[in-house]
Amino acid sequence: MSTIDNNLTSFLDIASDSDFSIHNLPYGIFSETKDGAGNNKRRAGVAIGEHVLDLAVLETEGLLNLDNGPYFNQPTLNAFIDSGRDNWTKARKTIQTLLSNTNNSLCDNKDLQSKALFKQADVTMHLPVQVPGFTDFYSSKEHATNVGTMFRDPSNALLPNWTEMPVGYNGRASTVIVSGSDVIRPSGQLKPNADDRPIFSPCKRLDFELETAFVVGKNNNIGQPIAVDNAIDHIFGMVLLNDWSARDIQKWEYVPLGPFNAKTFASEVSPWIVTMDALAPFKTPCPTQEPKPLAYLNQKDSKNSYDINLSVELLPENADNATVVCETNFKYMYWSMAQQLTHHTITGCKVEVGDMMGSGTISGSTPDSYGSMLEIAWNATKPVTLKGGETRSFIEDGDTVIMKGYSEKDGIRVGFGEVRGKVLPALSFDFGE
């Protein structure tokens, strides 16, 4: 579905600025927060306005009728995603019809509504998929240029391979966590002085990285790459991603093999997966790629990115109001998701349903659009003043980082909600002598 049907309206009262219009219907896994009956089992739902629609109930009532089901009375979305694009399309169209004001199956059935509709405020959201693998790319030219300018030669900020391929690294799927999870400040080796041995210490330069991630929806076979023009068929949807980063740990460890402990402690994602069908009306071209990519990365579709507005807010502990420290857009990304997935598999790497692949930090061309504190405060040389007068160069204990994202066109909004995480102090360690 690549066009917006402005006549499609839900029987539910949905605010015009809601991320979760009937044109969106993102998938997530929820349980009831307060349920005296003990029915707090995790199952699948879609977000609609201020509500969650329980897909397990609709499936039990025989209103979805997907091939080879059932899929939704499960603690992850993996089985549904693995069932294939035909089921994704059928489910989306069926749910839209059930929620529309022209269909009476749900609209006029108060008993069914009482069983299938929950206020989002009354549920707990969980990680939506079991994540077999996590990969993080480095695909914003502005971000890579800023980092290269800070730490290398400004006139040669990009390494020679950066414009030839989507650079990335394999991360830790085991520490992909859902929004609302607290993040414990990591400890590790730091090297404050070039001439001294490293020390073991809590991270002193904790940072956020504003990213999105796509969720793999279709396996390939080992040894068989995914063609770039078919790659979108292997992507189920997108989430927001805060790929937390320990800058000082990374600075000491990343040569010669890249990030390790600096990136393994928390990769925090939003709970709702926005489908590629919902995002299709917001397709837009990537920036011009020079030199022209090698043939295996050369896409026929010129509209290979998405117009997604993104922002980051910083809320200190006990503060009344958050401060917006970044506003940017996914469309600035140099390498597309299709190119990332194709390059990832070009040597024959197998990807699996539920794999998440981070975009890399998303930065624009101006300081207010930079996607990390490293850039916003320019390596601590330009501290940011928050509402209330506090300043920040990096993230402090008690701070909450809130990322939001949405697409909007012709009065229709398709949003991601938010990914929110609070930083707790580092743990204490006693290693003896």
Protein backbone atom coordinates (compact mmCIF):
# COMPACT_ATOMS: atom_id res chain seq x y z
CA MET A 1 0.00 0.00 0.00
CA SER A 2 1.78 3.16 -1.21
CA THR A 3 -1.01 5.75 -1.13
CA ILE A 4 -3.01 7.24 1.72
CA ASP A 5 -6.77 6.67 1.84
CA ASN A 6 -7.99 9.85 3.53
CA ASN A 7 -11.50 8.39 3.74
CA LEU A 8 -10.35 5.61 6.08
CA THR A 9 -11.55 6.54 9.57
CA SER A 10 -11.77 4.60 12.82
CA PHE A 11 -14.82 4.38 15.05
CA LEU A 12 -12.47 5.13 17.95
CA ASP A 13 -11.76 8.73 18.89
CA ILE A 14 -8.16 9.31 17.80
CA ALA A 15 -6.39 12.64 18.24
CA SER A 16 -5.11 14.21 15.03
CA ASP A 17 -1.57 14.28 16.45
CA SER A 18 -1.62 10.65 17.61
CA ASP A 19 1.23 8.51 16.35
CA PHE A 20 -1.14 5.57 16.16
CA SER A 21 -3.73 6.36 13.51
CA ILE A 22 -5.66 3.72 11.60
CA HIS A 23 -3.10 4.27 8.83
CA ASN A 24 -0.33 2.96 11.09
CA LEU A 25 -1.31 -0.11 13.20
CA PRO A 26 2.14 -1.03 14.50
CA TYR A 27 2.63 -4.42 16.14
CA GLY A 28 3.85 -5.02 19.69
CA ILE A 29 3.78 -7.47 22.59
CA PHE A 30 1.90 -6.49 25.74
CA SER A 31 0.53 -7.78 29.02
CA GLU A 32 -2.03 -6.29 31.37
CA THR A 33 -0.30 -4.32 34.09
CA LYS A 34 -3.04 -4.68 36.69
CA ASP A 35 -5.20 -7.74 36.31
CA GLY A 36 -6.73 -9.36 39.34
CA ALA A 37 -7.73 -12.34 37.24
CA GLY A 38 -4.10 -13.16 36.61
CA ASN A 39 -4.49 -12.79 32.84
CA ASN A 40 -1.16 -11.03 32.37
CA LYS A 41 0.09 -13.36 29.69
CA ARG A 42 2.16 -11.73 26.96
CA ARG A 43 0.46 -11.60 23.57
CA ALA A 44 0.39 -9.53 20.40
CA GLY A 45 -1.49 -6.30 19.83
CA VAL A 46 -1.57 -3.26 17.60
CA ALA A 47 -1.57 0.34 18.78
CA ILE A 48 -4.61 2.40 17.79
CA GLY A 49 -4.96 5.88 19.29
CA GLU A 50 -4.69 5.55 23.07
CA HIS A 51 -5.57 1.86 22.90
CA VAL A 52 -4.04 -1.54 22.28
CA LEU A 53 -6.11 -3.96 20.24
CA ASP A 54 -5.63 -7.54 21.45
CA LEU A 55 -4.95 -9.63 18.35
CA ALA A 56 -5.09 -12.89 20.31
CA VAL A 57 -8.75 -12.15 21.12
CA LEU A 58 -9.57 -11.32 17.50
CA GLU A 59 -7.86 -14.50 16.37
CA THR A 60 -9.80 -16.61 18.89
CA GLU A 61 -13.03 -14.99 17.70
CA GLY A 62 -12.23 -16.05 14.13
CA LEU A 63 -11.95 -12.48 12.81
CA LEU A 64 -8.46 -12.65 11.33
CA ASN A 65 -8.33 -16.02 9.50
CA LEU A 66 -4.67 -15.95 8.53
CA ASP A 67 -3.05 -18.85 6.73
CA ASN A 68 -1.48 -21.54 8.94
CA GLY A 69 -2.23 -19.71 12.20
CA PRO A 70 -2.75 -19.04 15.03
CA TYR A 71 0.04 -16.51 15.58
CA PHE A 72 -0.89 -13.91 18.18
CA ASN A 73 -1.36 -15.69 21.52
CA GLN A 74 2.43 -15.84 21.82
CA PRO A 75 5.10 -13.85 23.71
CA THR A 76 6.87 -12.68 20.53
CA LEU A 77 5.92 -11.70 16.98
CA ASN A 78 8.47 -14.02 15.36
CA ALA A 79 5.98 -16.68 14.22
CA PHE A 80 3.67 -14.12 12.63
CA ILE A 81 6.55 -12.34 10.91
CA ASP A 82 7.91 -15.66 9.68
CA SER A 83 4.52 -16.50 8.14
CA GLY A 84 5.29 -14.21 5.23
CA ARG A 85 4.29 -11.05 3.41
CA ASP A 86 0.91 -12.36 2.25
CA ASN A 87 -0.15 -12.75 5.88
CA TRP A 88 1.32 -9.36 6.80
CA THR A 89 -0.78 -7.69 4.11
CA LYS A 90 -3.92 -9.69 4.91
CA ALA A 91 -3.66 -8.98 8.64
CA ARG A 92 -3.15 -5.26 8.13
CA LYS A 93 -6.11 -4.90 5.78
CA THR A 94 -8.36 -7.00 8.03
CA ILE A 95 -7.45 -5.03 11.16
CA GLN A 96 -8.01 -1.73 9.35
CA THR A 97 -11.44 -2.93 8.28
CA LEU A 98 -12.36 -4.08 11.80
CA LEU A 99 -11.33 -0.72 13.25
CA SER A 100 -13.07 1.37 10.59
CA ASN A 101 -16.36 3.13 11.19
CA THR A 102 -17.94 1.34 8.24
CA ASN A 103 -17.66 -2.16 9.71
CA ASN A 104 -19.87 -3.28 12.59
CA SER A 105 -18.01 -6.45 13.65
CA LEU A 106 -16.15 -4.53 16.37
CA CYS A 107 -17.76 -1.10 16.25
CA ASP A 108 -21.19 -2.40 17.36
CA ASN A 109 -20.00 -5.23 19.61
CA LYS A 110 -19.43 -3.73 23.06
CA ASP A 111 -18.74 -7.14 24.60
CA LEU A 112 -15.94 -7.81 22.13
CA GLN A 113 -14.57 -4.32 22.65
CA SER A 114 -14.40 -4.92 26.40
CA LYS A 115 -12.30 -8.03 25.81
CA ALA A 116 -10.10 -6.75 22.98
CA LEU A 117 -9.42 -3.07 23.66
CA PHE A 118 -7.11 -1.88 26.44
CA LYS A 119 -5.86 1.56 27.33
CA GLN A 120 -2.15 1.82 26.61
CA ALA A 121 -1.76 3.32 30.07
CA ASP A 122 -3.03 0.03 31.56
CA VAL A 123 -0.63 -2.35 29.82
CA THR A 124 3.06 -3.19 30.01
CA MET A 125 4.98 -3.36 26.76
CA HIS A 126 7.66 -5.98 26.14
CA LEU A 127 10.38 -6.61 23.58
CA PRO A 128 8.32 -7.35 20.45
CA VAL A 129 10.55 -10.04 18.94
CA GLN A 130 13.07 -12.62 20.01
CA VAL A 131 16.25 -11.12 18.51
CA PRO A 132 18.62 -13.75 17.09
CA GLY A 133 21.20 -11.21 15.93
CA PHE A 134 21.95 -7.49 16.18
CA THR A 135 23.98 -5.45 13.70
CA ASP A 136 24.79 -1.75 13.86
CA PHE A 137 25.70 0.28 10.79
CA TYR A 138 27.45 3.65 10.45
CA SER A 139 25.49 5.16 7.59
CA SER A 140 25.06 8.89 8.25
CA LYS A 141 27.61 10.83 6.25
CA GLU A 142 27.20 13.87 8.49
CA HIS A 143 27.78 11.81 11.65
CA ALA A 144 30.79 9.98 10.22
CA THR A 145 32.25 13.27 9.01
CA ASN A 146 31.76 14.92 12.41
CA VAL A 147 33.43 12.04 14.25
CA GLY A 148 36.27 11.90 11.72
CA THR A 149 36.76 15.64 12.03
CA MET A 150 36.99 15.43 15.82
CA PHE A 151 39.32 12.47 16.09
CA ARG A 152 41.23 12.36 12.79
CA ASP A 153 42.18 14.79 10.04
CA PRO A 154 39.29 17.18 9.23
CA SER A 155 40.35 17.22 5.59
CA ASN A 156 40.16 13.42 5.47
CA ALA A 157 37.32 12.82 7.90
CA LEU A 158 35.88 9.82 6.03
CA LEU A 159 37.95 6.69 5.62
CA PRO A 160 38.31 5.53 1.99
CA ASN A 161 35.85 2.62 2.34
CA TRP A 162 33.01 4.72 3.78
CA THR A 163 31.57 5.92 0.46
CA GLU A 164 31.98 2.47 -1.11
CA MET A 165 29.98 0.30 1.31
CA PRO A 166 27.68 0.46 4.36
CA VAL A 167 30.17 0.05 7.21
CA GLY A 168 28.88 -1.91 10.21
CA TYR A 169 29.70 -4.31 13.01
CA ASN A 170 27.99 -7.25 14.70
CA GLY A 171 26.73 -6.37 18.17
CA ARG A 172 25.07 -8.22 21.03
CA ALA A 173 21.46 -9.34 20.60
CA SER A 174 21.36 -10.34 24.27
CA THR A 175 21.32 -6.72 25.43
CA VAL A 176 18.62 -5.42 23.10
CA ILE A 177 16.09 -4.06 25.61
CA VAL A 178 12.67 -2.44 25.36
CA SER A 179 11.83 1.20 26.06
CA GLY A 180 11.31 1.96 29.74
CA SER A 181 14.19 -0.23 30.87
CA ASP A 182 16.73 1.42 33.16
CA VAL A 183 20.30 1.55 31.89
CA ILE A 184 23.11 0.92 34.37
CA ARG A 185 26.15 3.05 33.67
CA PRO A 186 28.82 0.67 32.35
CA SER A 187 32.30 0.29 33.79
CA GLY A 188 35.42 -0.73 31.92
CA GLN A 189 38.91 0.24 30.88
CA LEU A 190 39.52 3.93 30.28
CA LYS A 191 42.77 5.65 29.33
CA PRO A 192 42.56 9.25 30.54
CA ASN A 193 46.23 9.97 29.88
CA ALA A 194 48.05 8.83 26.77
CA ASP A 195 51.30 8.14 28.63
CA ASP A 196 49.78 6.16 31.50
CA ARG A 197 48.37 2.66 31.79
CA PRO A 198 44.55 2.37 31.55
CA ILE A 199 42.35 2.44 34.64
CA PHE A 200 39.16 0.55 35.51
CA SER A 201 36.36 3.03 36.11
CA PRO A 202 32.70 3.79 35.50
CA CYS A 203 32.18 5.38 32.10
CA LYS A 204 32.55 9.15 32.32
CA ARG A 205 31.33 9.90 28.79
CA LEU A 206 28.03 8.08 28.44
CA ASP A 207 26.15 9.02 25.30
CA PHE A 208 22.99 8.29 23.35
CA GLU A 209 22.90 7.51 19.66
CA LEU A 210 19.72 8.44 17.81
CA GLU A 211 19.01 5.57 15.44
CA THR A 212 16.30 3.46 13.90
CA ALA A 213 16.50 -0.29 13.36
CA PHE A 214 14.80 -2.53 10.87
CA VAL A 215 13.44 -5.96 11.75
CA VAL A 216 14.29 -8.79 9.37
CA GLY A 217 11.12 -10.50 8.17
CA LYS A 218 12.44 -13.21 5.89
CA ASN A 219 15.44 -15.52 6.09
CA ASN A 220 17.92 -16.14 3.34
CA ASN A 221 19.93 -19.33 2.98
CA ILE A 222 23.56 -19.40 4.02
CA GLY A 223 25.77 -18.69 1.03
CA GLN A 224 22.96 -16.89 -0.87
CA PRO A 225 23.06 -13.07 -0.72
CA ILE A 226 19.88 -10.98 -0.81
CA ALA A 227 19.66 -8.90 -4.00
CA VAL A 228 19.35 -5.17 -3.34
CA ASP A 229 16.13 -4.83 -5.33
CA ASN A 230 14.56 -7.69 -3.36
CA ALA A 231 15.83 -6.58 0.04
CA ILE A 232 12.70 -4.69 1.04
CA ASP A 233 10.78 -7.98 0.87
CA HIS A 234 13.03 -9.22 3.69
CA ILE A 235 12.19 -6.26 5.99
CA PHE A 236 9.07 -6.41 8.20
CA GLY A 237 9.23 -2.98 9.81
CA MET A 238 11.15 -0.41 11.82
CA VAL A 239 11.64 0.67 15.44
CA LEU A 240 13.36 3.58 17.12
CA LEU A 241 16.74 2.70 18.61
CA ASN A 242 18.87 4.35 21.26
CA ASP A 243 22.17 2.53 20.83
CA TRP A 244 23.75 3.66 24.08
CA SER A 245 27.48 4.30 23.80
CA ALA A 246 30.37 4.57 26.29
CA ARG A 247 32.61 6.99 24.42
CA ASP A 248 35.65 6.78 26.69
CA ILE A 249 35.62 2.98 26.81
CA GLN A 250 35.29 2.95 23.02
CA LYS A 251 38.13 5.40 22.48
CA TRP A 252 40.61 3.03 24.17
CA GLU A 253 39.33 -0.27 22.77
CA TYR A 254 38.18 0.36 19.20
CA VAL A 255 41.59 0.14 17.49
CA PRO A 256 42.18 -2.25 15.78
CA LEU A 257 38.86 -4.15 15.65
CA GLY A 258 36.17 -1.57 16.37
CA PRO A 259 33.57 -1.21 19.15
CA PHE A 260 33.27 -3.95 21.77
CA ASN A 261 32.33 -3.35 25.43
CA ALA A 262 31.49 0.27 24.68
CA LYS A 263 28.42 -0.94 22.76
CA THR A 264 27.39 -4.21 24.43
CA PHE A 265 25.59 -3.00 27.56
CA ALA A 266 22.29 -1.64 26.16
CA SER A 267 20.61 -1.18 22.78
CA GLU A 268 17.14 0.18 23.64
CA VAL A 269 14.24 -0.02 21.18
CA SER A 270 10.70 1.29 21.00
CA PRO A 271 8.02 -1.36 21.67
CA TRP A 272 5.98 -0.86 18.49
CA ILE A 273 7.17 -2.14 15.10
CA VAL A 274 5.92 0.18 12.36
CA THR A 275 5.47 -1.89 9.20
CA MET A 276 6.96 -1.01 5.86
CA ASP A 277 3.42 -1.00 4.44
CA ALA A 278 2.51 1.80 6.84
CA LEU A 279 5.66 3.74 5.89
CA ALA A 280 5.31 3.23 2.12
CA PRO A 281 3.54 6.58 1.50
CA PHE A 282 6.53 8.38 3.01
CA LYS A 283 9.20 6.99 0.70
CA THR A 284 11.77 9.50 -0.52
CA PRO A 285 15.17 9.39 -2.27
CA CYS A 286 18.42 8.87 -0.39
CA PRO A 287 21.07 11.59 -0.79
CA THR A 288 23.11 11.40 -3.98
CA GLN A 289 25.76 8.70 -3.68
CA GLU A 290 29.15 9.55 -5.13
CA PRO A 291 30.88 7.53 -6.41
CA LYS A 292 28.05 5.48 -7.87
CA PRO A 293 27.82 2.27 -5.81
CA LEU A 294 29.14 -1.00 -7.17
CA ALA A 295 26.56 -2.95 -9.16
CA TYR A 296 25.42 -5.16 -6.28
CA LEU A 297 24.50 -2.03 -4.26
CA ASN A 298 22.93 -0.06 -7.10
CA GLN A 299 19.16 0.21 -6.54
CA LYS A 300 16.66 0.64 -9.35
CA ASP A 301 14.10 2.34 -7.10
CA SER A 302 15.16 5.96 -6.65
CA LYS A 303 12.84 6.33 -3.65
CA ASN A 304 14.82 4.11 -1.32
CA SER A 305 14.56 6.03 1.97
CA TYR A 306 11.79 7.37 4.23
CA ASP A 307 10.78 10.81 5.47
CA ILE A 308 10.73 10.23 9.24
CA ASN A 309 11.02 13.15 11.65
CA LEU A 310 13.16 12.30 14.68
CA SER A 311 13.92 14.07 17.94
CA VAL A 312 15.77 13.56 21.23
CA GLU A 313 14.78 15.02 24.59
CA LEU A 314 16.86 15.06 27.75
CA LEU A 315 15.14 15.04 31.15
CA PRO A 316 17.37 15.42 34.23
CA GLU A 317 16.27 13.73 37.45
CA ASN A 318 13.73 15.84 39.39
CA ALA A 319 13.38 18.27 36.47
CA ASP A 320 9.90 19.43 35.48
CA ASN A 321 10.48 19.64 31.74
CA ALA A 322 12.60 17.89 29.16
CA THR A 323 14.82 19.79 26.73
CA VAL A 324 14.82 18.98 23.03
CA VAL A 325 18.50 18.63 22.13
CA CYS A 326 18.15 17.24 18.60
CA GLU A 327 15.70 17.32 15.68
CA THR A 328 16.63 15.49 12.50
CA ASN A 329 15.25 13.18 9.81
CA PHE A 330 15.91 9.63 8.66
CA LYS A 331 15.97 10.78 5.01
CA TYR A 332 19.47 12.18 5.54
CA MET A 333 20.93 8.66 5.77
CA TYR A 334 23.48 8.06 3.01
CA TRP A 335 23.05 4.28 2.76
CA SER A 336 19.57 2.76 2.52
CA MET A 337 18.24 -0.16 4.53
CA ALA A 338 18.14 -2.28 1.37
CA GLN A 339 21.81 -1.54 0.69
CA GLN A 340 22.69 -2.35 4.30
CA LEU A 341 20.93 -5.72 4.18
CA THR A 342 22.40 -6.64 0.81
CA HIS A 343 25.93 -5.74 1.86
CA HIS A 344 25.48 -7.67 5.10
CA THR A 345 24.63 -10.83 3.13
CA ILE A 346 26.90 -10.40 0.10
CA THR A 347 29.47 -12.87 1.41
CA GLY A 348 26.74 -15.42 2.17
CA CYS A 349 25.85 -14.40 5.73
CA LYS A 350 22.48 -15.79 6.80
CA VAL A 351 20.00 -13.44 8.47
CA GLU A 352 17.05 -14.65 10.51
CA VAL A 353 13.53 -13.49 11.26
CA GLY A 354 13.67 -11.06 14.18
CA ASP A 355 17.23 -9.87 13.53
CA MET A 356 17.56 -6.15 14.20
CA MET A 357 19.85 -3.90 12.20
CA GLY A 358 20.61 -0.40 13.48
CA SER A 359 20.94 2.49 11.08
CA GLY A 360 23.86 4.09 12.85
CA THR A 361 23.62 7.53 14.44
CA ILE A 362 21.37 9.81 12.37
CA SER A 363 22.71 13.34 12.07
CA GLY A 364 21.76 16.25 9.86
CA SER A 365 23.95 19.09 8.64
CA THR A 366 23.35 21.57 11.47
CA PRO A 367 24.32 21.35 15.18
CA ASP A 368 20.68 21.13 16.29
CA SER A 369 20.26 18.04 14.08
CA TYR A 370 23.25 16.06 15.37
CA GLY A 371 22.23 12.65 16.73
CA SER A 372 24.60 12.26 19.70
CA MET A 373 25.89 14.35 22.59
CA LEU A 374 29.41 13.75 21.30
CA GLU A 375 28.47 15.92 18.32
CA ILE A 376 25.97 18.29 19.95
CA ALA A 377 28.48 19.32 22.66
CA TRP A 378 31.38 18.79 20.22
CA ASN A 379 33.43 16.43 22.38
CA ALA A 380 32.62 18.39 25.56
CA THR A 381 33.91 21.73 24.20
CA LYS A 382 30.42 23.26 23.79
CA PRO A 383 28.21 22.13 26.72
CA VAL A 384 24.45 22.27 26.15
CA THR A 385 22.27 24.37 28.47
CA LEU A 386 19.04 22.65 29.49
CA LYS A 387 15.78 24.12 30.74
CA GLY A 388 16.38 25.05 34.37
CA GLY A 389 19.97 26.06 33.72
CA GLU A 390 21.82 22.74 34.03
CA THR A 391 24.42 21.95 31.38
CA ARG A 392 25.40 18.68 29.75
CA SER A 393 28.31 17.45 27.68
CA PHE A 394 27.39 13.79 28.17
CA ILE A 395 24.64 11.89 30.00
CA GLU A 396 24.66 11.94 33.80
CA ASP A 397 23.18 9.54 36.36
CA GLY A 398 19.45 10.13 36.77
CA ASP A 399 19.04 11.57 33.26
CA THR A 400 16.28 10.17 31.07
CA VAL A 401 16.75 10.18 27.29
CA ILE A 402 13.55 10.21 25.20
CA MET A 403 13.55 9.63 21.44
CA LYS A 404 10.49 10.16 19.25
CA GLY A 405 9.73 9.69 15.57
CA TYR A 406 6.89 10.13 13.11
CA SER A 407 6.03 10.59 9.45
CA GLU A 408 3.30 12.99 8.33
CA LYS A 409 1.73 13.71 4.97
CA ASP A 410 -1.62 15.06 3.78
CA GLY A 411 -2.83 15.30 7.36
CA ILE A 412 -2.03 11.63 8.08
CA ARG A 413 0.46 10.74 10.81
CA VAL A 414 2.30 7.44 11.23
CA GLY A 415 4.46 7.43 14.34
CA PHE A 416 6.70 5.23 16.43
CA GLY A 417 5.81 6.47 19.91
CA GLU A 418 9.00 6.75 21.90
CA VAL A 419 12.01 4.96 23.29
CA ARG A 420 12.78 6.13 26.81
CA GLY A 421 15.60 5.10 29.15
CA LYS A 422 16.87 6.36 32.50
CA VAL A 423 20.51 6.08 33.51
CA LEU A 424 21.30 4.51 36.90
CA PRO A 425 24.69 4.74 38.67
CA ALA A 426 27.39 2.21 37.90
CA LEU A 427 27.59 -0.90 40.06
CA SER A 428 30.34 -1.20 42.66
CA PHE A 429 33.01 -3.86 42.20
CA ASP A 430 35.50 -5.31 44.66
CA PHE A 431 38.20 -7.24 42.83
CA GLY A 432 40.45 -7.61 45.86
CA GLU A 433 44.18 -7.12 45.51
